């Protein structure tokens, strides 16, 4: 009895399984999307158990990646009673059906879908949306910026918004990548401004260059890397520090949420070299570095990246007059210079080139002591004198008053011109002022001293009238010196001066007069006919008295003058 019951239970179990299997077979319909399990794979076919009486067969060509045994695969039932009673399924149609649902939902909900620029066509691109779906993307909606080279986007996979959706494989759906990018950029920017602060290090891609720096793409929006923030050193070309397309780490140095301006720095990724300047450099140190910039007032020399010193034009030579530093230096020259001083607050270093050369003015007195006679060329003529070149870079000055003891030179150009060789004598050396005075007239003796020696005060001197003026007569005497007889000294002691007196004197006439004053220092010679006559009269009277006086009488010149006055 027990054995019969056991057999009945087995039959019931088998019947139940058959009923469930038949039921499941009845539930599978043509066109239905079902999930199967891979049970076998060969070079051409993937065998799939979909819970039917027979296994589904799928060509490996429908797979991008061949599945492994045990993997789940979604397929569409084409015919559950195919040839020979086997079920016919398709993964390709399953993918298409599934993609149709995804694209329709994306179009309804306005959410992005993945696609790939596949082909350039008239007006834009053909985009592969997957599942045999093709979409059209207008060129103007392919990127946030104008696309100069359409082929540059081919093969690029990205998200697109669906502006217009049509089911089927024909090119009827219209997609828009620019809208997605604009939305993504907005999200990225909002996130950036909400999360970063000054001093943070951010990552970006070098996008483009300008004369004042480079723009860095921070995720669809730009930050500026100014040329002054590329290096602590001198920057001439931004492209020397970053390359287009390069991924760079930069420090955020300024951010303005209102204007949405972002300033980045490459140099602040390293320490400012000025903070440790005194540990490496001292006044008096000699450096040998490259000239980076030349201006009309000096040359900048880079001590190291970030630190430049200025060699002023006045510190380039002890002797040579330099109008422009370009006369002696070029950008790129490597030169030696001495550190003269520095200001850390202003970040300035003063350099000198001439300090590494001997100063010829220190020994100028030894080479050109006062009294030295030289023959040297005139290098420059001015209104007040001429510069005479003594040696390379050192000129002496010949003043116009030092040309002649007696002649008044009114125009220096009438005496000499550039290139003339002059004989001169050194009269004064001032190393501290870098001045040397020269003289031509002191090559000869001073005629004024000779005149004062030969014709002391009160003596008579004869000369030739050189000029007649309203105030007197000029007379040229020995030594080529001119003296003046004032008009009141042209007549004798007992005569009254009138304008008729001057008419008696003519240029070229010889005249004799007494010396009233001869001053070599002021070069002044005063003469007088009146004094000469007076002295001559006194001499005659004295002679008369000496010859005719009575021995019994004592009669002096004073008595005679008194008697004369009484009359």
Protein backbone atom coordinates (compact mmCIF):
# COMPACT_ATOMS: atom_id res chain seq x y z
CA UNK A 1 0.00 0.00 0.00
CA UNK A 2 2.78 2.32 0.92
CA UNK A 3 4.61 1.53 -2.33
CA UNK A 4 1.52 2.39 -4.39
CA UNK A 5 1.14 5.72 -2.60
CA UNK A 6 4.79 6.53 -3.29
CA UNK A 7 4.34 5.86 -7.00
CA UNK A 8 1.22 8.05 -7.10
CA UNK A 9 3.21 10.93 -5.54
CA UNK A 10 5.96 10.64 -8.19
CA UNK A 11 3.40 10.69 -10.95
CA UNK A 12 1.75 13.74 -9.44
CA UNK A 13 5.15 15.55 -9.17
CA UNK A 14 6.07 14.74 -12.77
CA UNK A 15 2.66 15.88 -13.97
CA UNK A 16 3.01 19.12 -12.05
CA UNK A 17 6.41 19.78 -13.67
CA UNK A 18 5.01 19.01 -17.10
CA UNK A 19 2.09 21.35 -16.45
CA UNK A 20 4.42 24.17 -15.30
CA UNK A 21 6.68 23.65 -18.30
CA UNK A 22 3.75 23.71 -20.69
CA UNK A 23 2.44 26.77 -18.93
CA UNK A 24 5.78 28.57 -19.31
CA UNK A 25 5.89 27.62 -22.96
CA UNK A 26 2.43 29.04 -23.39
CA UNK A 27 3.58 32.31 -21.76
CA UNK A 28 6.39 32.92 -24.32
CA UNK A 29 5.09 34.95 -27.23
CA UNK A 30 6.63 36.01 -30.49
CA UNK A 31 8.17 39.50 -30.12
CA UNK A 32 8.56 39.09 -26.38
CA UNK A 33 11.71 40.30 -24.60
CA UNK A 34 13.12 37.48 -22.48
CA UNK A 35 16.32 36.82 -20.53
CA UNK A 36 18.30 33.66 -21.23
CA UNK A 37 21.44 32.02 -19.92
CA UNK A 38 24.43 31.21 -22.11
CA UNK A 39 24.96 27.45 -22.06
CA UNK A 40 27.44 27.00 -24.92
CA UNK A 41 29.60 29.15 -27.21
CA UNK A 42 31.48 28.23 -30.38
CA UNK A 43 33.06 30.31 -33.15
CA UNK A 44 29.80 31.06 -34.91
CA UNK A 45 26.97 30.55 -32.42
CA UNK A 46 25.95 31.38 -28.87
CA UNK A 47 23.49 28.86 -27.38
CA UNK A 48 20.98 30.33 -24.96
CA UNK A 49 18.56 28.64 -22.52
CA UNK A 50 15.44 30.80 -22.37
CA UNK A 51 13.34 28.22 -20.45
CA UNK A 52 11.81 26.78 -23.59
CA UNK A 53 11.81 23.25 -24.88
CA UNK A 54 14.66 24.10 -27.17
CA UNK A 55 17.68 26.37 -26.89
CA UNK A 56 17.90 29.65 -28.75
CA UNK A 57 20.73 30.17 -31.18
CA UNK A 58 22.36 33.60 -31.81
CA UNK A 59 25.10 34.41 -34.29
CA UNK A 60 28.26 35.71 -32.65
CA UNK A 61 28.09 38.65 -35.11
CA UNK A 62 25.32 40.16 -32.98
CA UNK A 63 27.71 40.53 -30.04
CA UNK A 64 30.27 43.27 -29.57
CA UNK A 65 31.92 41.15 -26.88
CA UNK A 66 31.42 37.37 -27.00
CA UNK A 67 29.72 36.29 -23.73
CA UNK A 68 30.91 33.57 -21.40
CA UNK A 69 28.91 30.43 -20.38
CA UNK A 70 26.57 31.33 -17.53
CA UNK A 71 26.12 35.00 -18.53
CA UNK A 72 22.60 36.44 -18.85
CA UNK A 73 21.57 37.83 -22.25
CA UNK A 74 18.38 39.67 -23.20
CA UNK A 75 16.81 38.59 -26.52
CA UNK A 76 13.60 39.02 -28.47
CA UNK A 77 11.62 35.93 -29.43
CA UNK A 78 11.26 35.95 -33.21
CA UNK A 79 9.47 32.62 -33.58
CA UNK A 80 8.95 30.18 -30.73
CA UNK A 81 8.15 27.41 -33.23
CA UNK A 82 10.81 27.85 -35.85
CA UNK A 83 12.23 25.40 -38.32
CA UNK A 84 12.45 21.96 -36.72
CA UNK A 85 10.47 23.20 -33.72
CA UNK A 86 13.41 25.25 -32.35
CA UNK A 87 12.90 28.72 -30.92
CA UNK A 88 14.31 31.64 -32.93
CA UNK A 89 15.66 34.60 -30.89
CA UNK A 90 17.60 37.83 -31.66
CA UNK A 91 19.87 39.86 -29.45
CA UNK A 92 20.12 42.64 -32.05
CA UNK A 93 16.36 43.18 -31.94
CA UNK A 94 16.46 43.06 -28.17
CA UNK A 95 19.11 45.77 -28.16
CA UNK A 96 17.04 47.85 -30.60
CA UNK A 97 13.85 47.45 -28.53
CA UNK A 98 15.68 48.23 -25.32
CA UNK A 99 17.42 51.27 -26.89
CA UNK A 100 14.09 52.47 -28.29
CA UNK A 101 12.62 52.52 -24.81
CA UNK A 102 15.71 54.29 -23.42
CA UNK A 103 15.76 56.94 -26.14
CA UNK A 104 12.03 57.57 -25.89
CA UNK A 105 12.27 57.97 -22.13
CA UNK A 106 15.27 60.31 -22.55
CA UNK A 107 13.36 62.42 -25.06
CA UNK A 108 10.26 62.55 -22.81
CA UNK A 109 12.27 63.36 -19.66
CA UNK A 110 14.87 65.54 -21.46
CA UNK A 111 17.79 63.58 -20.06
CA UNK A 112 21.13 63.00 -21.83
CA UNK A 113 22.00 59.85 -23.75
CA UNK A 114 25.37 58.54 -24.90
CA UNK A 115 26.29 58.83 -28.57
CA UNK A 116 29.29 59.03 -30.88
CA UNK A 117 30.11 61.39 -33.76
CA UNK A 118 30.24 58.88 -36.62
CA UNK A 119 30.17 60.78 -39.89
CA UNK A 120 30.34 64.34 -41.23
CA UNK A 121 27.31 65.09 -43.38
CA UNK A 122 25.80 68.23 -44.83
CA UNK A 123 25.03 70.69 -42.06
CA UNK A 124 26.45 68.61 -39.24
CA UNK A 125 27.06 65.05 -38.10
CA UNK A 126 25.51 61.61 -38.15
CA UNK A 127 25.61 60.34 -34.57
CA UNK A 128 25.58 56.67 -33.53
CA UNK A 129 23.10 56.43 -30.65
CA UNK A 130 23.43 52.65 -30.23
CA UNK A 131 20.99 49.86 -31.05
CA UNK A 132 21.13 50.77 -34.75
CA UNK A 133 19.76 54.21 -33.95
CA UNK A 134 21.27 57.14 -35.87
CA UNK A 135 20.70 60.76 -35.00
CA UNK A 136 21.48 64.09 -36.67
CA UNK A 137 23.45 66.71 -34.78
CA UNK A 138 23.65 70.17 -36.46
CA UNK A 139 27.16 71.65 -36.60
CA UNK A 140 26.05 74.62 -34.50
CA UNK A 141 24.93 72.24 -31.72
CA UNK A 142 28.01 70.02 -31.71
CA UNK A 143 30.06 72.10 -29.24
CA UNK A 144 29.91 75.22 -27.08
CA UNK A 145 32.42 76.87 -29.39
CA UNK A 146 32.46 77.17 -33.15
CA UNK A 147 33.91 74.01 -34.69
CA UNK A 148 36.64 75.09 -37.11
CA UNK A 149 37.46 71.55 -38.27
CA UNK A 150 34.39 69.23 -38.34
CA UNK A 151 36.56 66.11 -38.71
CA UNK A 152 38.15 66.86 -35.33
CA UNK A 153 35.05 65.50 -33.51
CA UNK A 154 34.76 62.22 -35.41
CA UNK A 155 35.02 59.26 -33.05
CA UNK A 156 34.29 61.39 -29.96
CA UNK A 157 31.77 59.76 -27.61
CA UNK A 158 29.76 62.04 -25.33
CA UNK A 159 26.29 62.74 -24.03
CA UNK A 160 23.59 64.36 -26.19
CA UNK A 161 20.17 65.83 -25.47
CA UNK A 162 17.36 64.61 -27.78
CA UNK A 163 15.57 67.56 -29.36
CA UNK A 164 13.36 65.40 -31.56
CA UNK A 165 12.89 61.59 -31.40
CA UNK A 166 11.66 59.19 -34.10
CA UNK A 167 11.70 55.41 -33.66
CA UNK A 168 13.28 53.41 -36.41
CA UNK A 169 16.72 53.23 -37.91
CA UNK A 170 16.31 56.13 -40.30
CA UNK A 171 18.12 59.43 -39.62
CA UNK A 172 15.15 61.31 -38.17
CA UNK A 173 16.09 61.97 -34.54
CA UNK A 174 17.73 65.35 -33.86
CA UNK A 175 20.28 65.52 -31.03
CA UNK A 176 22.07 68.39 -29.32
CA UNK A 177 25.46 68.11 -27.62
CA UNK A 178 25.91 71.83 -26.94
CA UNK A 179 22.93 71.94 -24.57
CA UNK A 180 24.39 69.07 -22.57
CA UNK A 181 27.80 70.79 -22.44
CA UNK A 182 26.26 74.11 -21.38
CA UNK A 183 24.40 72.35 -18.61
CA UNK A 184 27.52 70.46 -17.54
CA UNK A 185 29.63 73.65 -17.59
CA UNK A 186 27.06 75.44 -15.46
CA UNK A 187 27.10 72.58 -12.94
CA UNK A 188 30.90 72.47 -12.92
CA UNK A 189 31.18 76.22 -12.43
CA UNK A 190 28.65 76.28 -9.60
CA UNK A 191 30.50 73.43 -7.93
CA UNK A 192 33.85 75.16 -8.45
CA UNK A 193 32.78 78.47 -6.95
CA UNK A 194 31.05 76.69 -4.06
CA UNK A 195 33.98 74.48 -3.08
CA UNK A 196 37.29 76.25 -3.82
CA UNK A 197 39.04 79.07 -1.99
CA UNK A 198 42.06 81.27 -2.62
CA UNK A 199 45.23 79.26 -2.14
CA UNK A 200 43.77 75.97 -3.37
CA UNK A 201 45.54 73.99 -6.07
CA UNK A 202 43.32 73.27 -9.07
CA UNK A 203 43.84 71.28 -12.25
CA UNK A 204 43.12 72.50 -15.76
CA UNK A 205 44.05 72.20 -19.41
CA UNK A 206 45.87 74.93 -21.33
CA UNK A 207 43.28 76.15 -23.81
CA UNK A 208 44.65 79.18 -25.66
CA UNK A 209 47.22 81.98 -25.52
CA UNK A 210 47.12 85.77 -25.59
CA UNK A 211 49.84 88.41 -25.42
CA UNK A 212 49.19 88.74 -21.67
CA UNK A 213 48.99 85.07 -20.69
CA UNK A 214 47.06 81.84 -21.21
CA UNK A 215 43.49 80.69 -20.65
CA UNK A 216 43.06 77.47 -18.66
CA UNK A 217 40.00 75.24 -19.14
CA UNK A 218 38.76 74.27 -15.69
CA UNK A 219 35.84 72.17 -16.90
CA UNK A 220 34.19 74.15 -19.67
CA UNK A 221 34.92 77.55 -18.10
CA UNK A 222 38.17 79.43 -18.12
CA UNK A 223 40.66 80.80 -15.62
CA UNK A 224 43.42 83.26 -16.53
CA UNK A 225 47.08 82.46 -16.04
CA UNK A 226 48.60 85.93 -16.45
CA UNK A 227 52.09 86.26 -17.90
CA UNK A 228 53.26 87.85 -14.62
CA UNK A 229 52.07 84.78 -12.70
CA UNK A 230 53.87 82.21 -14.81
CA UNK A 231 57.26 82.53 -13.15
CA UNK A 232 59.05 84.44 -10.43
CA UNK A 233 61.50 85.26 -13.20
CA UNK A 234 61.27 87.33 -16.37
CA UNK A 235 58.64 86.02 -18.83
CA UNK A 236 58.67 87.12 -22.46
CA UNK A 237 56.70 84.32 -24.13
CA UNK A 238 53.88 82.45 -22.32
CA UNK A 239 54.49 79.46 -24.60
CA UNK A 240 57.90 78.98 -22.98
CA UNK A 241 56.18 77.91 -19.74
CA UNK A 242 53.02 76.01 -20.73
CA UNK A 243 51.90 74.20 -23.90
CA UNK A 244 48.46 74.08 -25.50
CA UNK A 245 46.58 70.99 -24.35
CA UNK A 246 48.90 70.48 -21.37
CA UNK A 247 47.31 69.39 -18.07
CA UNK A 248 48.64 71.72 -15.37
CA UNK A 249 48.40 72.12 -11.62
CA UNK A 250 47.90 75.78 -10.65
CA UNK A 251 47.28 77.76 -7.50
CA UNK A 252 44.13 79.85 -7.21
CA UNK A 253 45.19 83.41 -6.32
CA UNK A 254 41.96 85.32 -6.95
CA UNK A 255 38.29 84.47 -7.46
CA UNK A 256 35.29 86.78 -7.87
CA UNK A 257 31.88 85.05 -7.80
CA UNK A 258 30.12 88.21 -9.03
CA UNK A 259 32.20 88.75 -12.16
CA UNK A 260 33.16 85.05 -12.20
CA UNK A 261 36.77 85.98 -12.88
CA UNK A 262 39.35 83.39 -11.89
CA UNK A 263 43.08 84.15 -11.63
CA UNK A 264 45.58 81.31 -11.49
CA UNK A 265 49.30 81.18 -10.80
CA UNK A 266 52.06 78.82 -11.81
CA UNK A 267 54.82 80.66 -9.97
CA UNK A 268 52.99 80.35 -6.64
CA UNK A 269 53.40 76.61 -6.87
CA UNK A 270 56.96 77.29 -5.66
CA UNK A 271 58.44 79.55 -2.98
CA UNK A 272 59.19 83.20 -3.72
CA UNK A 273 63.02 83.32 -4.08
CA UNK A 274 63.09 86.80 -2.52
CA UNK A 275 62.20 85.29 0.86
CA UNK A 276 65.62 83.62 1.03
CA UNK A 277 67.62 86.24 -0.91
CA UNK A 278 69.91 87.21 1.97
CA UNK A 279 70.90 83.60 2.52
CA UNK A 280 72.45 83.48 -0.95
CA UNK A 281 73.54 87.04 -1.82
CA UNK A 282 75.46 89.84 -0.11
CA UNK A 283 76.60 93.36 -1.01
CA UNK A 284 79.94 93.07 -2.78
CA UNK A 285 79.24 89.63 -4.26
CA UNK A 286 80.14 89.20 -7.91
CA UNK A 287 77.61 87.39 -10.09
CA UNK A 288 77.95 86.13 -13.67
CA UNK A 289 74.56 85.92 -15.34
CA UNK A 290 72.54 86.74 -18.46
CA UNK A 291 71.15 90.11 -19.57
CA UNK A 292 67.35 89.72 -19.86
CA UNK A 293 66.18 93.22 -20.77
CA UNK A 294 67.67 96.54 -21.89
CA UNK A 295 66.06 99.95 -21.38
CA UNK A 296 67.33 103.46 -22.09
CA UNK A 297 68.37 103.82 -18.44
CA UNK A 298 70.09 100.49 -17.83
CA UNK A 299 70.14 96.72 -18.23
CA UNK A 300 68.37 94.02 -16.21
CA UNK A 301 70.42 90.96 -15.30
CA UNK A 302 68.82 87.76 -13.96
CA UNK A 303 70.56 86.53 -10.82
CA UNK A 304 68.26 83.49 -10.81
CA UNK A 305 64.68 82.78 -11.93
CA UNK A 306 62.56 85.31 -10.07
CA UNK A 307 65.34 87.74 -9.13
CA UNK A 308 66.61 90.42 -11.49
CA UNK A 309 69.04 93.22 -10.77
CA UNK A 310 69.45 96.56 -12.54
CA UNK A 311 72.81 97.79 -13.78
CA UNK A 312 72.14 101.51 -14.24
CA UNK A 313 73.72 103.21 -17.23
CA UNK A 314 75.87 105.27 -14.85
CA UNK A 315 77.36 102.07 -13.40
CA UNK A 316 78.59 100.65 -16.70
CA UNK A 317 81.84 102.56 -17.23
CA UNK A 318 84.16 104.84 -15.26
CA UNK A 319 85.08 106.91 -18.27
CA UNK A 320 83.02 106.15 -21.35
CA UNK A 321 79.98 108.32 -21.94
CA UNK A 322 77.20 105.83 -22.76
CA UNK A 323 74.03 107.24 -24.33
CA UNK A 324 72.23 103.91 -24.45
CA UNK A 325 73.12 100.56 -22.80
CA UNK A 326 72.67 98.89 -26.19
CA UNK A 327 76.00 100.46 -27.16
CA UNK A 328 77.81 98.00 -24.86
CA UNK A 329 75.31 95.20 -24.08
CA UNK A 330 72.85 92.91 -25.84
CA UNK A 331 70.00 90.79 -24.49
CA UNK A 332 71.42 87.32 -23.87
CA UNK A 333 74.95 88.51 -23.05
CA UNK A 334 76.48 86.80 -20.01
CA UNK A 335 78.22 89.46 -17.91
CA UNK A 336 79.91 89.84 -14.54
CA UNK A 337 78.48 92.40 -12.14
CA UNK A 338 78.91 93.38 -8.50
CA UNK A 339 75.98 93.65 -6.08
CA UNK A 340 75.97 97.28 -4.90
CA UNK A 341 72.81 97.10 -2.78
CA UNK A 342 69.29 95.66 -2.51
CA UNK A 343 65.81 96.44 -1.19
CA UNK A 344 63.82 93.35 -0.19
CA UNK A 345 60.58 95.30 0.29
CA UNK A 346 60.70 96.71 -3.22
CA UNK A 347 62.40 93.57 -4.60
CA UNK A 348 65.23 95.52 -6.18
CA UNK A 349 68.91 94.77 -6.63
CA UNK A 350 71.46 97.37 -7.76
CA UNK A 351 74.35 96.06 -9.84
CA UNK A 352 77.54 97.61 -11.15
CA UNK A 353 79.73 96.65 -14.09
CA UNK A 354 82.41 99.32 -13.80
CA UNK A 355 83.21 98.28 -10.21
CA UNK A 356 84.97 95.23 -11.64
CA UNK A 357 87.34 97.52 -13.60
CA UNK A 358 90.12 99.82 -12.34
CA UNK A 359 88.96 103.43 -11.96
CA UNK A 360 91.37 105.52 -14.07
CA UNK A 361 90.45 108.64 -12.10
CA UNK A 362 92.07 107.16 -8.99
CA UNK A 363 95.53 107.65 -10.56
CA UNK A 364 94.78 110.57 -12.88
CA UNK A 365 97.01 112.95 -10.89
CA UNK A 366 99.97 110.63 -11.34
CA UNK A 367 99.53 110.48 -15.11
CA UNK A 368 98.72 114.14 -15.63
CA UNK A 369 100.32 116.30 -12.91
CA UNK A 370 99.74 120.05 -13.02
CA UNK A 371 102.16 121.61 -15.51
CA UNK A 372 102.18 118.65 -17.91
CA UNK A 373 102.30 119.78 -21.55
CA UNK A 374 100.28 117.71 -24.04
CA UNK A 375 99.28 117.61 -27.69
CA UNK A 376 95.78 116.18 -27.93
CA UNK A 377 92.72 116.25 -30.27
CA UNK A 378 89.63 118.39 -29.80
CA UNK A 379 86.57 116.10 -29.43
CA UNK A 380 83.84 118.67 -28.76
CA UNK A 381 83.45 122.43 -29.06
CA UNK A 382 80.95 124.40 -26.93
CA UNK A 383 80.18 128.10 -26.48
CA UNK A 384 82.32 128.28 -23.36
CA UNK A 385 85.26 126.13 -24.43
CA UNK A 386 86.44 122.83 -25.88
CA UNK A 387 86.87 119.27 -24.61
CA UNK A 388 90.28 117.78 -25.32
CA UNK A 389 90.66 113.99 -25.27
CA UNK A 390 93.56 112.93 -23.04
CA UNK A 391 92.99 109.14 -23.18
CA UNK A 392 90.15 106.66 -23.73
CA UNK A 393 87.16 107.98 -21.82
CA UNK A 394 88.92 110.96 -20.19
CA UNK A 395 88.62 114.51 -21.51
CA UNK A 396 90.11 117.75 -20.25
CA UNK A 397 88.40 121.12 -20.62
CA UNK A 398 89.91 124.20 -22.22
CA UNK A 399 87.92 127.27 -21.20
CA UNK A 400 87.59 130.11 -23.68
CA UNK A 401 89.29 132.48 -21.18
CA UNK A 402 92.36 130.23 -21.10
CA UNK A 403 93.23 130.70 -24.76
CA UNK A 404 95.04 134.05 -24.59
CA UNK A 405 96.39 136.43 -22.00
CA UNK A 406 95.49 139.44 -24.04
CA UNK A 407 92.97 138.57 -26.77
CA UNK A 408 89.28 138.20 -25.95
CA UNK A 409 87.95 135.18 -27.90
CA UNK A 410 84.20 135.60 -28.29
CA UNK A 411 83.50 132.44 -30.31
CA UNK A 412 85.29 129.18 -29.46
CA UNK A 413 84.57 127.83 -32.94
CA UNK A 414 86.74 130.59 -34.37
CA UNK A 415 89.70 129.23 -32.41
CA UNK A 416 89.37 125.45 -33.00
CA UNK A 417 87.17 122.71 -34.37
CA UNK A 418 86.69 119.00 -33.69
CA UNK A 419 89.70 116.99 -34.77
CA UNK A 420 92.22 119.82 -34.33
CA UNK A 421 95.38 118.90 -32.40
CA UNK A 422 96.12 121.51 -29.73
CA UNK A 423 99.10 122.07 -27.48
CA UNK A 424 97.84 122.54 -23.94
CA UNK A 425 99.11 122.50 -20.38
CA UNK A 426 97.39 120.89 -17.35
CA UNK A 427 96.43 123.62 -14.86
CA UNK A 428 94.08 121.81 -12.44
CA UNK A 429 93.22 118.14 -11.66
CA UNK A 430 90.09 117.25 -9.62
CA UNK A 431 89.71 113.43 -9.42
CA UNK A 432 86.76 113.67 -7.02
CA UNK A 433 84.82 115.76 -9.55
CA UNK A 434 86.35 114.00 -12.55
CA UNK A 435 87.57 117.27 -14.03
CA UNK A 436 90.80 118.39 -15.62
CA UNK A 437 91.38 122.03 -16.61
CA UNK A 438 93.68 122.86 -19.51
CA UNK A 439 95.22 126.06 -20.82
CA UNK A 440 96.81 127.33 -24.01
CA UNK A 441 97.86 130.76 -22.77
CA UNK A 442 99.95 129.33 -19.95
CA UNK A 443 102.24 127.68 -22.45
CA UNK A 444 103.84 131.15 -22.66
CA UNK A 445 104.84 133.65 -19.96
CA UNK A 446 102.25 136.05 -18.65
CA UNK A 447 102.77 139.34 -20.56
CA UNK A 448 100.97 141.23 -17.82
CA UNK A 449 103.62 140.27 -15.30
CA UNK A 450 106.33 141.32 -17.73
CA UNK A 451 104.55 144.63 -18.41
CA UNK A 452 104.23 145.43 -14.70
CA UNK A 453 107.93 144.67 -14.28
CA UNK A 454 109.03 146.79 -17.23
CA UNK A 455 106.60 149.66 -16.68
CA UNK A 456 105.90 150.22 -12.99
CA UNK A 457 103.28 152.64 -11.77
CA UNK A 458 104.10 156.21 -12.76
CA UNK A 459 106.40 155.29 -15.66
CA UNK A 460 105.68 156.42 -19.19
CA UNK A 461 104.74 153.94 -21.89
CA UNK A 462 104.26 154.40 -25.62
CA UNK A 463 101.70 152.61 -27.70
CA UNK A 464 99.39 152.71 -30.71
CA UNK A 465 95.78 153.86 -30.54
CA UNK A 466 93.56 150.83 -31.29
CA UNK A 467 90.12 152.32 -30.61
CA UNK A 468 88.49 155.67 -29.81
CA UNK A 469 85.26 155.62 -27.79
CA UNK A 470 82.98 158.12 -26.06
CA UNK A 471 84.61 157.36 -22.73
CA UNK A 472 88.26 157.31 -23.78
CA UNK A 473 91.01 155.99 -25.97
CA UNK A 474 92.37 152.40 -26.07
CA UNK A 475 96.09 152.05 -26.59
CA UNK A 476 97.92 148.84 -27.52
CA UNK A 477 101.27 148.63 -25.73
CA UNK A 478 104.14 146.07 -25.72
CA UNK A 479 102.99 142.49 -25.05
CA UNK A 480 99.89 143.07 -27.19
CA UNK A 481 98.11 144.46 -24.14
CA UNK A 482 95.47 147.15 -24.38
CA UNK A 483 95.25 149.99 -21.89
CA UNK A 484 92.63 152.69 -21.50
CA UNK A 485 93.14 156.45 -21.26
CA UNK A 486 89.86 157.79 -19.92
CA UNK A 487 88.65 160.98 -21.61
CA UNK A 488 89.39 163.07 -18.52
CA UNK A 489 93.00 161.89 -18.58
CA UNK A 490 93.55 162.97 -22.19
CA UNK A 491 94.28 166.64 -21.28
CA UNK A 492 96.89 168.33 -19.13
CA UNK A 493 96.38 169.34 -15.51
CA UNK A 494 95.48 172.92 -16.44
CA UNK A 495 93.17 172.08 -19.34
CA UNK A 496 89.42 171.53 -19.35
CA UNK A 497 88.11 168.45 -21.20
CA UNK A 498 85.74 169.07 -24.11
CA UNK A 499 84.36 166.77 -26.81
CA UNK A 500 86.76 168.43 -29.25
CA UNK A 501 89.63 166.70 -27.42
CA UNK A 502 88.63 163.22 -28.63
CA UNK A 503 88.71 164.38 -32.23
CA UNK A 504 92.45 164.92 -31.93
CA UNK A 505 93.06 161.18 -31.44
CA UNK A 506 93.01 158.79 -34.40
CA UNK A 507 93.34 154.99 -34.60
CA UNK A 508 96.89 154.13 -35.53
CA UNK A 509 98.43 157.25 -33.97
CA UNK A 510 101.27 156.82 -31.53
CA UNK A 511 100.70 158.16 -28.04
CA UNK A 512 102.67 158.24 -24.80
CA UNK A 513 101.02 158.18 -21.36
CA UNK A 514 101.84 157.48 -17.74
CA UNK A 515 100.91 154.15 -16.09
CA UNK A 516 98.25 154.66 -13.42
CA UNK A 517 97.54 150.94 -12.75
CA UNK A 518 98.73 147.58 -14.12
CA UNK A 519 96.87 144.64 -12.54
CA UNK A 520 97.75 141.17 -13.97
CA UNK A 521 95.01 139.50 -11.94
CA UNK A 522 92.15 141.58 -13.37
CA UNK A 523 94.11 142.27 -16.57
CA UNK A 524 93.49 145.99 -16.22
CA UNK A 525 95.83 148.70 -17.55
CA UNK A 526 94.97 152.37 -16.84
CA UNK A 527 96.96 155.15 -18.57
CA UNK A 528 96.96 158.95 -18.26
CA UNK A 529 98.33 161.78 -20.40
CA UNK A 530 97.35 164.20 -17.65
CA UNK A 531 99.58 162.39 -15.15
CA UNK A 532 102.43 162.25 -17.65
CA UNK A 533 102.24 166.03 -18.24
CA UNK A 534 102.00 166.72 -14.52
CA UNK A 535 105.08 164.62 -13.81
CA UNK A 536 106.96 166.23 -16.68
CA UNK A 537 106.15 169.71 -15.34
CA UNK A 538 107.31 168.73 -11.87
CA UNK A 539 110.50 167.40 -13.35
CA UNK A 540 111.18 170.60 -15.27
CA UNK A 541 110.53 172.80 -12.26
CA UNK A 542 112.79 170.68 -10.10
CA UNK A 543 115.52 170.92 -12.71
CA UNK A 544 115.15 174.70 -12.97
CA UNK A 545 115.39 175.13 -9.23
CA UNK A 546 118.44 172.95 -9.08
CA UNK A 547 120.26 175.03 -11.75
CA UNK A 548 119.33 178.64 -10.85
CA UNK A 549 118.86 178.78 -7.07
CA UNK A 550 120.76 181.47 -5.09
CA UNK A 551 123.13 180.16 -2.50
CA UNK A 552 121.78 182.69 0.03
CA UNK A 553 118.25 181.61 -0.42
CA UNK A 554 116.51 178.39 0.29
CA UNK A 555 113.79 177.96 -2.28
CA UNK A 556 111.85 174.69 -2.66
CA UNK A 557 109.51 173.23 -5.22
CA UNK A 558 106.71 173.62 -2.73
CA UNK A 559 107.41 177.33 -2.51
CA UNK A 560 107.36 177.60 -6.26
CA UNK A 561 104.03 175.82 -6.46
CA UNK A 562 102.65 178.07 -3.77
CA UNK A 563 103.84 181.15 -5.62
CA UNK A 564 102.25 179.85 -8.76
CA UNK A 565 98.98 179.34 -6.97
CA UNK A 566 99.08 182.87 -5.55
CA UNK A 567 99.27 184.31 -8.98
